[in-house]
Amino acid sequence: MNRFDDLFDEADAAFNATYQEELNQLKGLSPEVIAAITPNTEDHTALIKVVKQASEENLSKAQLAANIRQLGAVVVKIAKKTPLLSELFQS
């Protein structure tokens, strides 16, 4: 194993961790929290999918916020229930 292998391993780990904490927070939302916003659990599922895609594609926070906004106001409300994603909508 050479020094480049270590660098590639570190880069892979960093890339795979993009938005991982946000995903963990979303998946940790209780059904009651989601139901207080919407009875449609598909909104929550769609949000998880968008954040996972952003992680896989290494999208910027601005692009992730834009993608979430495209899903509608209800999905934005769900996103705001997580500390890290709520930061995207401060302004």
C-alpha atoms as a PDB file:
ATOM      1  CA  MET A   1       0.000   0.000   0.000  1.00  0.00           C
ATOM      2  CA  ASN A   2       1.378   3.402  -0.879  1.00  0.00           C
ATOM      3  CA  ARG A   3       0.641   6.944   0.205  1.00  0.00           C
ATOM      4  CA  PHE A   4      -1.837   7.443  -2.649  1.00  0.00           C
ATOM      5  CA  ASP A   5      -3.964   4.562  -1.407  1.00  0.00           C
ATOM      6  CA  ASP A   6      -4.283   6.334   1.934  1.00  0.00           C
ATOM      7  CA  LEU A   7      -5.204   9.603   0.234  1.00  0.00           C
ATOM      8  CA  PHE A   8      -7.824   7.894  -1.913  1.00  0.00           C
ATOM      9  CA  ASP A   9      -9.289   6.166   1.151  1.00  0.00           C
ATOM     10  CA  GLU A  10      -9.492   9.498   2.981  1.00  0.00           C
ATOM     11  CA  ALA A  11     -11.136  11.172  -0.017  1.00  0.00           C
ATOM     12  CA  ASP A  12     -13.675   8.356  -0.328  1.00  0.00           C
ATOM     13  CA  ALA A  13     -14.530   8.605   3.359  1.00  0.00           C
ATOM     14  CA  ALA A  14     -15.000  12.364   3.127  1.00  0.00           C
ATOM     15  CA  PHE A  15     -17.125  12.064   0.002  1.00  0.00           C
ATOM     16  CA  ASN A  16     -19.327   9.356   1.491  1.00  0.00           C
ATOM     17  CA  ALA A  17     -19.866  11.458   4.611  1.00  0.00           C
ATOM     18  CA  THR A  18     -21.337  14.415   2.698  1.00  0.00           C
ATOM     19  CA  TYR A  19     -24.794  15.088   4.154  1.00  0.00           C
ATOM     20  CA  GLN A  20     -24.619  11.848   6.172  1.00  0.00           C
ATOM     21  CA  GLU A  21     -25.466  13.644   9.403  1.00  0.00           C
ATOM     22  CA  GLU A  22     -28.399  15.364   7.693  1.00  0.00           C
ATOM     23  CA  LEU A  23     -29.653  11.963   6.516  1.00  0.00           C
ATOM     24  CA  ASN A  24     -29.322  10.567  10.029  1.00  0.00           C
ATOM     25  CA  GLN A  25     -31.334  13.472  11.429  1.00  0.00           C
ATOM     26  CA  LEU A  26     -34.066  13.028   8.825  1.00  0.00           C
ATOM     27  CA  LYS A  27     -34.307   9.310   9.431  1.00  0.00           C
ATOM     28  CA  GLY A  28     -34.488  10.012  13.151  1.00  0.00           C
ATOM     29  CA  LEU A  29     -37.602  12.175  12.915  1.00  0.00           C
ATOM     30  CA  SER A  30     -40.486  10.516  14.700  1.00  0.00           C
ATOM     31  CA  PRO A  31     -43.702   9.657  12.874  1.00  0.00           C
ATOM     32  CA  GLU A  32     -45.461  12.102  15.206  1.00  0.00           C
ATOM     33  CA  VAL A  33     -43.242  14.997  14.122  1.00  0.00           C
ATOM     34  CA  ILE A  34     -43.881  14.224  10.464  1.00  0.00           C
ATOM     35  CA  ALA A  35     -47.620  13.701  11.017  1.00  0.00           C
ATOM     36  CA  ALA A  36     -47.845  17.115  12.707  1.00  0.00           C
ATOM     37  CA  ILE A  37     -46.687  18.620   9.402  1.00  0.00           C
ATOM     38  CA  THR A  38     -48.347  16.303   6.909  1.00  0.00           C
ATOM     39  CA  PRO A  39     -50.173  12.979   6.873  1.00  0.00           C
ATOM     40  CA  ASN A  40     -48.336  12.164   3.638  1.00  0.00           C
ATOM     41  CA  THR A  41     -45.224  10.158   4.564  1.00  0.00           C
ATOM     42  CA  GLU A  42     -44.159  10.263   0.912  1.00  0.00           C
ATOM     43  CA  ASP A  43     -43.008  13.858   1.473  1.00  0.00           C
ATOM     44  CA  HIS A  44     -40.542  12.652   4.108  1.00  0.00           C
ATOM     45  CA  THR A  45     -39.386   9.829   1.834  1.00  0.00           C
ATOM     46  CA  ALA A  46     -38.877  12.257  -1.068  1.00  0.00           C
ATOM     47  CA  LEU A  47     -36.805  14.546   1.158  1.00  0.00           C
ATOM     48  CA  ILE A  48     -34.561  11.672   2.227  1.00  0.00           C
ATOM     49  CA  LYS A  49     -34.131  10.712  -1.428  1.00  0.00           C
ATOM     50  CA  VAL A  50     -33.118  14.271  -2.410  1.00  0.00           C
ATOM     51  CA  VAL A  51     -30.589  14.554   0.420  1.00  0.00           C
ATOM     52  CA  LYS A  52     -29.150  11.131  -0.400  1.00  0.00           C
ATOM     53  CA  GLN A  53     -28.843  12.114  -4.060  1.00  0.00           C
ATOM     54  CA  ALA A  54     -27.124  15.371  -3.056  1.00  0.00           C
ATOM     55  CA  SER A  55     -24.676  13.349  -1.013  1.00  0.00           C
ATOM     56  CA  GLU A  56     -23.958  10.941  -3.850  1.00  0.00           C
ATOM     57  CA  GLU A  57     -23.510  13.786  -6.343  1.00  0.00           C
ATOM     58  CA  ASN A  58     -21.584  15.967  -3.877  1.00  0.00           C
ATOM     59  CA  LEU A  59     -23.938  18.906  -4.449  1.00  0.00           C
ATOM     60  CA  SER A  60     -23.439  22.253  -2.781  1.00  0.00           C
ATOM     61  CA  LYS A  61     -25.658  23.348   0.079  1.00  0.00           C
ATOM     62  CA  ALA A  62     -27.229  25.954  -2.194  1.00  0.00           C
ATOM     63  CA  GLN A  63     -28.148  23.318  -4.770  1.00  0.00           C
ATOM     64  CA  LEU A  64     -29.503  21.006  -2.075  1.00  0.00           C
ATOM     65  CA  ALA A  65     -31.660  23.834  -0.708  1.00  0.00           C
ATOM     66  CA  ALA A  66     -32.952  24.574  -4.216  1.00  0.00           C
ATOM     67  CA  ASN A  67     -33.786  20.898  -4.773  1.00  0.00           C
ATOM     68  CA  ILE A  68     -35.657  20.757  -1.463  1.00  0.00           C
ATOM     69  CA  ARG A  69     -37.600  23.928  -2.308  1.00  0.00           C
ATOM     70  CA  GLN A  70     -38.670  22.342  -5.608  1.00  0.00           C
ATOM     71  CA  LEU A  71     -40.427  19.623  -3.608  1.00  0.00           C
ATOM     72  CA  GLY A  72     -42.695  22.222  -2.030  1.00  0.00           C
ATOM     73  CA  ALA A  73     -43.432  24.067   1.193  1.00  0.00           C
ATOM     74  CA  VAL A  74     -44.410  20.945   3.136  1.00  0.00           C
ATOM     75  CA  VAL A  75     -41.054  19.297   2.437  1.00  0.00           C
ATOM     76  CA  VAL A  76     -39.253  22.489   3.458  1.00  0.00           C
ATOM     77  CA  LYS A  77     -41.146  22.394   6.772  1.00  0.00           C
ATOM     78  CA  ILE A  78     -39.995  18.819   7.338  1.00  0.00           C
ATOM     79  CA  ALA A  79     -36.403  19.792   6.496  1.00  0.00           C
ATOM     80  CA  LYS A  80     -36.572  22.632   9.015  1.00  0.00           C
ATOM     81  CA  LYS A  81     -37.254  20.071  11.761  1.00  0.00           C
ATOM     82  CA  THR A  82     -33.622  18.959  11.525  1.00  0.00           C
ATOM     83  CA  PRO A  83     -30.948  21.320  12.854  1.00  0.00           C
ATOM     84  CA  LEU A  84     -28.526  20.933   9.948  1.00  0.00           C
ATOM     85  CA  LEU A  85     -31.056  21.258   7.142  1.00  0.00           C
ATOM     86  CA  SER A  86     -32.848  24.140   8.845  1.00  0.00           C
ATOM     87  CA  GLU A  87     -29.611  26.128   8.443  1.00  0.00           C
ATOM     88  CA  LEU A  88     -30.151  26.010   4.674  1.00  0.00           C
ATOM     89  CA  PHE A  89     -33.309  28.075   5.023  1.00  0.00           C
ATOM     90  CA  GLN A  90     -32.092  30.813   7.375  1.00  0.00           C
ATOM     91  CA  SER A  91     -32.613  34.237   5.868  1.00  0.00           C
END
